[in-house]
Amino acid sequence: MFITILITLVVFVAFISVVSFFFSLATELSLSPVATLTGALILALIFMLIQFAISPYIVAASTRLRYLAPGENPWLEGLVSKLASSAGVRQPRLAVSPDPTPNAFVFGNSSGNMTLAVTQGLLTQLKEEEIQGVIGHELGHIRHKDSIVMTFLSAVPLIAYIIARMAFSVRTTERKGERGGGGYIVLAGIVALLVYFVSQLLVLRLSRLREHFADAFSAYLTATPRDLESALTKITYGLSLSPQEPHGARALFIGDPALAKQEVQSILQQKSRYDLDQNGVLDEHELQLAMQQEARSRWTSVNEAFSTHPPTYKRILLLRQIEQEIASRGLETANIYSKI
């Protein structure tokens, strides 16, 4: 994760440097390269800080969250309090989304101001043990400060995209006005598009890695990886049935609705192959086996590079490896991330 973050930041600084140079040449300003780069970095930092400050309010509003009053759900409050204490994190505020599909997520812009949200579907469709596994996963995100890191880094491809749009827009206007320097503007736009593509892939890779780390954290925190494994299977299947369009903040969720639809649709196309007892229904066990078979698909591997979450089968396989590790060696927290 550190290497991915470092590469992303290096690409970003190099990108800002090159684009600043091209814009300086195009506008024929007398500013030095250092002054141009400094100004561009300051503007980029301001943009990141604005996104960092307002993103929690956007997430809360777009998911229609309702914060729980103290004592409203004693069981959930007690579970989160116990696990947060074991995880060594400050207990987050609890909220419920009216979404009928099973899901959960955390967000916030500081370690002391985090919100853990669960959907109504999660509370009604999953067993208590499975919910515990999901809560452990979300507390892992808080422990790793994932929402803070991802909020900052996700601004990198967004800034690159905005600069590309601006560059090509300026070039179009310039053609009408017949002004010079358009070639440098085009080069800046091309560089911005390339950086958008590369940085987006890096951010997506980091997002997938952080999901694996949160899964592993939950497995050791609860000492029952099988519960999270079962929860992920139900969440994936439940999300695949939803007629709603995938939410814009789905990268925060424990399960990505768009990816879930792709995974389950691929399996259902070969339903007769995976329906071992030929009863016309894929039960939880058959669905798990089917997802493992889908792991051998080349298309799955290619598609993974453009996903915010790892395929469910990979998450299940990781949890099973951790379960075997715990069974053979016990809860050795020094090896918590060794299987990733």
Protein backbone atom coordinates (compact mmCIF):
# COMPACT_ATOMS: atom_id res chain seq x y z
CA MET A 1 0.00 0.00 0.00
CA PHE A 2 2.85 2.36 0.83
CA ILE A 3 4.47 1.75 -2.59
CA THR A 4 1.16 2.38 -4.37
CA ILE A 5 0.60 5.64 -2.46
CA LEU A 6 4.18 6.75 -3.15
CA ILE A 7 3.93 6.02 -6.89
CA THR A 8 0.62 7.90 -7.07
CA LEU A 9 2.09 10.98 -5.39
CA VAL A 10 5.24 10.89 -7.57
CA VAL A 11 3.10 10.66 -10.70
CA PHE A 12 0.97 13.54 -9.46
CA VAL A 13 3.91 15.88 -8.72
CA ALA A 14 5.55 15.04 -12.06
CA PHE A 15 2.24 15.64 -13.81
CA ILE A 16 1.72 19.03 -12.19
CA SER A 17 5.29 19.98 -13.12
CA VAL A 18 4.90 19.08 -16.80
CA VAL A 19 1.46 20.64 -17.18
CA SER A 20 2.58 23.83 -15.42
CA PHE A 21 5.52 24.05 -17.83
CA PHE A 22 3.31 23.62 -20.90
CA PHE A 23 0.78 26.18 -19.69
CA SER A 24 3.62 28.59 -18.96
CA LEU A 25 4.94 28.22 -22.52
CA ALA A 26 1.47 28.52 -24.03
CA THR A 27 0.61 31.74 -22.21
CA GLU A 28 4.12 33.17 -22.54
CA LEU A 29 4.14 34.25 -18.90
CA SER A 30 7.36 35.49 -17.35
CA LEU A 31 6.96 33.28 -14.30
CA SER A 32 9.82 30.95 -13.44
CA PRO A 33 9.19 27.18 -13.59
CA VAL A 34 9.49 27.01 -9.79
CA ALA A 35 6.89 29.75 -9.32
CA THR A 36 4.54 28.09 -11.82
CA LEU A 37 4.90 24.69 -10.15
CA THR A 38 4.42 26.17 -6.68
CA GLY A 39 1.24 27.93 -7.73
CA ALA A 40 -0.13 24.78 -9.35
CA LEU A 41 0.63 22.67 -6.26
CA ILE A 42 -1.04 25.24 -3.99
CA LEU A 43 -4.18 25.23 -6.14
CA ALA A 44 -4.21 21.42 -6.19
CA LEU A 45 -3.81 21.29 -2.41
CA ILE A 46 -6.67 23.76 -1.94
CA PHE A 47 -8.85 21.58 -4.17
CA MET A 48 -7.97 18.48 -2.12
CA LEU A 49 -8.72 20.24 1.16
CA ILE A 50 -12.11 21.42 -0.10
CA GLN A 51 -13.00 17.87 -1.18
CA PHE A 52 -11.74 16.56 2.16
CA ALA A 53 -13.88 19.04 4.10
CA ILE A 54 -17.18 18.61 2.26
CA SER A 55 -17.10 14.92 1.31
CA PRO A 56 -18.62 13.63 4.62
CA TYR A 57 -21.65 15.89 4.21
CA ILE A 58 -22.12 14.78 0.61
CA VAL A 59 -21.93 11.10 1.57
CA ALA A 60 -24.40 11.51 4.45
CA ALA A 61 -26.90 13.41 2.30
CA SER A 62 -26.66 11.16 -0.76
CA THR A 63 -27.17 7.96 1.26
CA ARG A 64 -30.06 9.47 3.28
CA LEU A 65 -28.48 8.56 6.59
CA ARG A 66 -30.30 8.80 9.88
CA TYR A 67 -28.06 8.95 12.93
CA LEU A 68 -29.12 6.69 15.79
CA ALA A 69 -30.03 8.25 19.11
CA PRO A 70 -28.33 6.77 22.20
CA GLY A 71 -30.18 3.66 23.31
CA GLU A 72 -32.16 3.34 20.06
CA ASN A 73 -30.46 0.08 19.07
CA PRO A 74 -28.75 -1.29 22.21
CA TRP A 75 -27.52 -4.49 20.54
CA LEU A 76 -25.77 -2.68 17.67
CA GLU A 77 -24.36 -0.02 19.99
CA GLY A 78 -23.03 -2.66 22.36
CA LEU A 79 -21.47 -4.66 19.53
CA VAL A 80 -19.74 -1.64 18.00
CA SER A 81 -18.56 -0.45 21.42
CA LYS A 82 -17.04 -3.85 22.26
CA LEU A 83 -15.33 -4.29 18.91
CA ALA A 84 -14.10 -0.68 18.78
CA SER A 85 -12.48 -1.15 22.18
CA SER A 86 -10.80 -4.36 21.02
CA ALA A 87 -9.70 -2.67 17.79
CA GLY A 88 -8.17 0.26 19.64
CA VAL A 89 -10.23 2.91 17.84
CA ARG A 90 -12.63 5.56 19.05
CA GLN A 91 -16.24 4.45 18.82
CA PRO A 92 -17.77 5.96 15.66
CA ARG A 93 -21.19 7.55 15.38
CA LEU A 94 -23.81 5.07 14.20
CA ALA A 95 -26.22 5.70 11.36
CA VAL A 96 -28.72 3.70 9.34
CA SER A 97 -29.53 4.04 5.66
CA PRO A 98 -33.02 3.04 4.48
CA ASP A 99 -31.49 1.06 1.61
CA PRO A 100 -33.12 -2.43 1.59
CA THR A 101 -29.98 -4.08 0.19
CA PRO A 102 -27.35 -5.35 2.66
CA ASN A 103 -24.31 -3.07 2.92
CA ALA A 104 -22.20 -1.00 5.31
CA PHE A 105 -19.55 1.72 5.13
CA VAL A 106 -17.56 4.23 7.18
CA PHE A 107 -16.61 7.80 6.35
CA GLY A 108 -15.23 10.91 7.99
CA ASN A 109 -12.40 13.41 7.76
CA SER A 110 -10.63 12.67 11.06
CA SER A 111 -10.07 9.69 13.34
CA GLY A 112 -12.25 11.27 16.01
CA ASN A 113 -15.11 12.14 13.66
CA MET A 114 -16.00 8.89 11.91
CA THR A 115 -19.44 7.54 11.06
CA LEU A 116 -20.24 3.85 10.73
CA ALA A 117 -23.37 3.37 8.65
CA VAL A 118 -25.31 0.18 8.00
CA THR A 119 -28.22 -0.31 5.67
CA GLN A 120 -31.61 -1.53 6.80
CA GLY A 121 -31.08 -4.53 4.54
CA LEU A 122 -27.95 -5.53 6.43
CA LEU A 123 -29.76 -5.52 9.77
CA THR A 124 -32.69 -7.58 8.50
CA GLN A 125 -31.01 -10.06 6.14
CA LEU A 126 -27.83 -11.05 7.98
CA LYS A 127 -27.36 -13.06 11.17
CA GLU A 128 -25.89 -11.39 14.23
CA GLU A 129 -22.58 -13.22 13.79
CA GLU A 130 -22.36 -12.06 10.17
CA ILE A 131 -23.09 -8.47 11.14
CA GLN A 132 -20.28 -8.73 13.66
CA GLY A 133 -17.90 -9.69 10.85
CA VAL A 134 -19.06 -6.71 8.80
CA ILE A 135 -18.63 -4.32 11.72
CA GLY A 136 -15.13 -5.68 12.27
CA HIS A 137 -14.33 -4.96 8.62
CA GLU A 138 -15.55 -1.37 8.90
CA LEU A 139 -13.59 -0.81 12.10
CA GLY A 140 -10.55 -2.06 10.18
CA HIS A 141 -11.07 0.80 7.73
CA ILE A 142 -11.14 3.23 10.66
CA ARG A 143 -8.00 1.70 12.19
CA HIS A 144 -6.18 2.02 8.86
CA LYS A 145 -7.55 5.57 8.24
CA ASP A 146 -8.74 4.40 4.83
CA SER A 147 -11.44 7.00 4.25
CA ILE A 148 -8.97 9.81 4.95
CA VAL A 149 -6.26 8.40 2.68
CA MET A 150 -8.65 7.55 -0.14
CA THR A 151 -10.37 10.94 -0.02
CA PHE A 152 -7.05 12.68 -0.63
CA LEU A 153 -5.73 10.28 -3.26
CA SER A 154 -9.00 10.09 -5.19
CA ALA A 155 -8.59 13.81 -5.85
CA VAL A 156 -5.48 13.10 -7.99
CA PRO A 157 -7.27 11.56 -11.02
CA LEU A 158 -10.10 14.06 -10.58
CA ILE A 159 -7.69 17.00 -10.80
CA ALA A 160 -6.03 15.43 -13.86
CA TYR A 161 -9.43 15.01 -15.54
CA ILE A 162 -10.45 18.61 -14.81
CA ILE A 163 -7.16 19.92 -16.21
CA ALA A 164 -7.59 17.81 -19.34
CA ARG A 165 -11.09 19.18 -19.89
CA MET A 166 -9.83 22.72 -19.32
CA ALA A 167 -6.92 22.23 -21.73
CA PHE A 168 -9.08 20.99 -24.58
CA SER A 169 -11.70 23.64 -23.85
CA VAL A 170 -9.04 26.37 -24.01
CA ARG A 171 -7.74 24.89 -27.26
CA THR A 172 -11.22 24.98 -28.81
CA THR A 173 -11.72 28.60 -27.78
CA GLU A 174 -8.28 29.46 -29.07
CA ARG A 175 -9.04 28.08 -32.50
CA LYS A 176 -11.96 30.42 -32.79
CA GLY A 177 -9.85 33.37 -31.64
CA GLU A 178 -6.77 32.30 -33.65
CA ARG A 179 -4.34 32.76 -30.78
CA GLY A 180 -0.95 31.06 -30.47
CA GLY A 181 0.36 28.52 -27.98
CA GLY A 182 -2.31 25.96 -28.76
CA GLY A 183 0.18 23.16 -29.32
CA TYR A 184 1.43 23.35 -25.75
CA ILE A 185 -2.16 23.37 -24.47
CA VAL A 186 -2.88 20.20 -26.44
CA LEU A 187 0.25 18.55 -25.01
CA ALA A 188 -0.88 19.52 -21.51
CA GLY A 189 -4.30 17.99 -22.18
CA ILE A 190 -2.78 14.75 -23.51
CA VAL A 191 -0.48 14.45 -20.50
CA ALA A 192 -3.44 15.11 -18.19
CA LEU A 193 -5.50 12.34 -19.82
CA LEU A 194 -2.64 9.85 -19.51
CA VAL A 195 -2.12 10.76 -15.87
CA TYR A 196 -5.86 10.48 -15.23
CA PHE A 197 -5.83 6.92 -16.58
CA VAL A 198 -2.67 5.83 -14.72
CA SER A 199 -3.56 7.48 -11.41
CA GLN A 200 -7.10 6.09 -11.56
CA LEU A 201 -5.71 2.56 -11.91
CA LEU A 202 -3.36 3.17 -8.98
CA VAL A 203 -6.16 4.52 -6.78
CA LEU A 204 -8.37 1.55 -7.69
CA ARG A 205 -5.56 -0.86 -6.85
CA LEU A 206 -5.08 0.83 -3.49
CA SER A 207 -8.83 0.62 -2.84
CA ARG A 208 -8.82 -3.14 -3.49
CA LEU A 209 -5.81 -3.65 -1.25
CA ARG A 210 -7.45 -1.77 1.59
CA GLU A 211 -10.53 -3.99 1.34
CA HIS A 212 -8.31 -7.05 1.77
CA PHE A 213 -6.60 -5.46 4.77
CA ALA A 214 -9.97 -4.64 6.36
CA ASP A 215 -11.16 -8.22 5.77
CA ALA A 216 -8.03 -9.60 7.44
CA PHE A 217 -8.42 -7.18 10.34
CA SER A 218 -12.01 -8.33 10.90
CA ALA A 219 -11.00 -11.99 10.76
CA TYR A 220 -8.52 -11.54 13.61
CA LEU A 221 -10.65 -9.07 15.55
CA THR A 222 -13.66 -11.40 15.69
CA ALA A 223 -11.63 -14.64 15.50
CA THR A 224 -14.36 -16.03 13.21
CA PRO A 225 -13.42 -15.44 9.54
CA ARG A 226 -16.23 -17.76 8.43
CA ASP A 227 -18.85 -15.26 9.60
CA LEU A 228 -17.47 -12.50 7.36
CA GLU A 229 -17.14 -15.00 4.52
CA SER A 230 -20.82 -15.85 4.85
CA ALA A 231 -21.73 -12.17 5.13
CA LEU A 232 -19.84 -11.28 1.94
CA THR A 233 -21.63 -14.03 0.04
CA LYS A 234 -25.05 -12.79 1.18
CA ILE A 235 -24.13 -9.16 0.53
CA THR A 236 -22.93 -9.93 -3.00
CA TYR A 237 -26.07 -11.89 -3.82
CA GLY A 238 -28.36 -9.33 -2.20
CA LEU A 239 -26.76 -6.43 -4.07
CA SER A 240 -27.05 -8.31 -7.36
CA LEU A 241 -30.84 -8.40 -6.98
CA SER A 242 -31.24 -4.67 -6.44
CA PRO A 243 -32.96 -2.81 -9.31
CA GLN A 244 -31.38 0.46 -8.19
CA GLU A 245 -28.48 2.06 -10.02
CA PRO A 246 -25.13 1.70 -8.18
CA HIS A 247 -24.53 4.57 -5.76
CA GLY A 248 -21.87 7.16 -6.54
CA ALA A 249 -20.18 6.50 -3.19
CA ARG A 250 -20.06 2.74 -3.69
CA ALA A 251 -16.27 2.71 -3.31
CA LEU A 252 -16.89 3.23 0.43
CA PHE A 253 -19.20 0.23 0.78
CA ILE A 254 -18.13 -3.22 1.94
CA GLY A 255 -19.74 -4.53 -1.24
CA ASP A 256 -19.83 -2.82 -4.63
CA PRO A 257 -23.31 -3.20 -6.21
CA ALA A 258 -21.94 -2.89 -9.77
CA LEU A 259 -19.34 -5.62 -9.22
CA ALA A 260 -21.88 -7.83 -7.44
CA LYS A 261 -24.23 -7.69 -10.43
CA GLN A 262 -21.41 -8.68 -12.78
CA GLU A 263 -20.27 -11.56 -10.58
CA VAL A 264 -23.69 -13.06 -10.01
CA GLN A 265 -24.85 -12.52 -13.59
CA SER A 266 -21.80 -14.42 -14.84
CA ILE A 267 -22.60 -17.27 -12.46
CA LEU A 268 -26.31 -17.40 -13.33
CA GLN A 269 -25.48 -17.69 -17.00
CA GLN A 270 -23.97 -21.06 -16.08
CA LYS A 271 -26.49 -21.90 -13.38
CA SER A 272 -26.98 -25.53 -14.41
CA ARG A 273 -23.24 -26.11 -14.11
CA TYR A 274 -23.05 -24.78 -10.56
CA ASP A 275 -26.39 -26.14 -9.27
CA LEU A 276 -24.91 -29.30 -7.75
CA ASP A 277 -28.16 -30.71 -6.34
CA GLN A 278 -30.12 -29.61 -9.44
CA ASN A 279 -32.91 -28.06 -7.34
CA GLY A 280 -33.03 -24.93 -9.46
CA VAL A 281 -31.58 -22.72 -6.71
CA LEU A 282 -27.96 -21.82 -5.93
CA ASP A 283 -27.57 -21.99 -2.17
CA GLU A 284 -24.79 -20.27 -0.23
CA HIS A 285 -22.39 -23.21 -0.57
CA GLU A 286 -22.96 -23.57 -4.31
CA LEU A 287 -22.55 -19.83 -4.81
CA GLN A 288 -19.20 -19.89 -2.99
CA LEU A 289 -17.97 -22.76 -5.15
CA ALA A 290 -19.18 -20.99 -8.28
CA MET A 291 -17.28 -17.82 -7.41
CA GLN A 292 -14.12 -19.88 -6.97
CA GLN A 293 -14.62 -21.40 -10.42
CA GLU A 294 -15.09 -17.93 -11.90
CA ALA A 295 -11.64 -17.05 -10.55
CA ARG A 296 -10.14 -18.88 -13.49
CA SER A 297 -11.79 -16.54 -15.99
CA ARG A 298 -9.41 -14.22 -17.85
CA TRP A 299 -12.17 -11.65 -18.18
CA THR A 300 -12.51 -11.57 -14.39
CA SER A 301 -8.81 -10.84 -13.99
CA VAL A 302 -8.87 -8.01 -16.54
CA ASN A 303 -12.06 -6.51 -15.15
CA GLU A 304 -10.61 -6.51 -11.63
CA ALA A 305 -8.12 -3.76 -12.58
CA PHE A 306 -11.03 -1.36 -13.07
CA SER A 307 -12.89 -2.26 -9.86
CA THR A 308 -12.86 -0.57 -6.46
CA HIS A 309 -13.28 -3.93 -4.71
CA PRO A 310 -11.61 -7.32 -5.13
CA PRO A 311 -13.81 -10.08 -6.54
CA THR A 312 -15.80 -11.77 -3.80
CA TYR A 313 -14.13 -15.11 -4.50
CA LYS A 314 -10.71 -13.61 -3.72
CA ARG A 315 -11.97 -12.21 -0.45
CA ILE A 316 -13.47 -15.57 0.48
CA LEU A 317 -10.28 -17.44 -0.37
CA LEU A 318 -8.25 -15.01 1.77
CA LEU A 319 -10.59 -15.48 4.71
CA ARG A 320 -10.37 -19.26 4.39
CA GLN A 321 -6.58 -19.09 4.45
CA ILE A 322 -6.73 -16.93 7.56
CA GLU A 323 -9.20 -19.38 9.13
CA GLN A 324 -6.74 -22.23 8.55
CA GLU A 325 -3.95 -20.09 9.98
CA ILE A 326 -5.95 -19.34 13.13
CA ALA A 327 -6.92 -23.00 13.51
CA SER A 328 -3.29 -24.14 13.29
CA ARG A 329 -1.44 -21.35 15.12
CA GLY A 330 -4.06 -19.42 17.03
CA LEU A 331 -4.56 -15.65 17.01
CA GLU A 332 -1.05 -14.44 16.24
CA THR A 333 -1.62 -10.77 15.49
CA ALA A 334 1.90 -10.40 14.11
CA ASN A 335 0.77 -12.41 11.08
CA ILE A 336 -2.53 -10.62 10.60
CA TYR A 337 -1.74 -9.41 7.05
CA SER A 338 0.63 -12.17 5.96
CA LYS A 339 -1.88 -13.86 3.63
CA ILE A 340 -2.63 -10.75 1.54
